[in-house]
Amino acid sequence: MDEIDKSKSIDIFTGTIWETRMVQSLLTDAGIESYVRDSSLGTFLLDPVKSANCKVLIMEKDEQIAKLIVEEYYKNISSEDPIEPADGD
């Protein structure tokens, strides 16, 4: 008989649907299984960038590595230079 995995799932990231899918992709690339829970009940279909309250969930056993990945994500998005408007020349 197979063992039932009783591991606990935890929230590792909260943001827009676009942001959560980006973080989920980074976690998948690192071999961490995750899923996205959207509490806005479909409002992301209207405006995927502005809808919030989406969460990325992982298994508790992956928390340490996942936190490093999320921290790196935040570091990368905060270090990007803002796009400057082109001169009207």
Foldseek 3Di string as FASTA:
>chain_A
DDDDDPFDKDWQDWFFPVVLVVLCVLCVVVVFDKDKDQPVVPPCVVPRHPRTGITIMGTPVCRVVSNVSVVVVVVVVVPDDDDDDDDPD
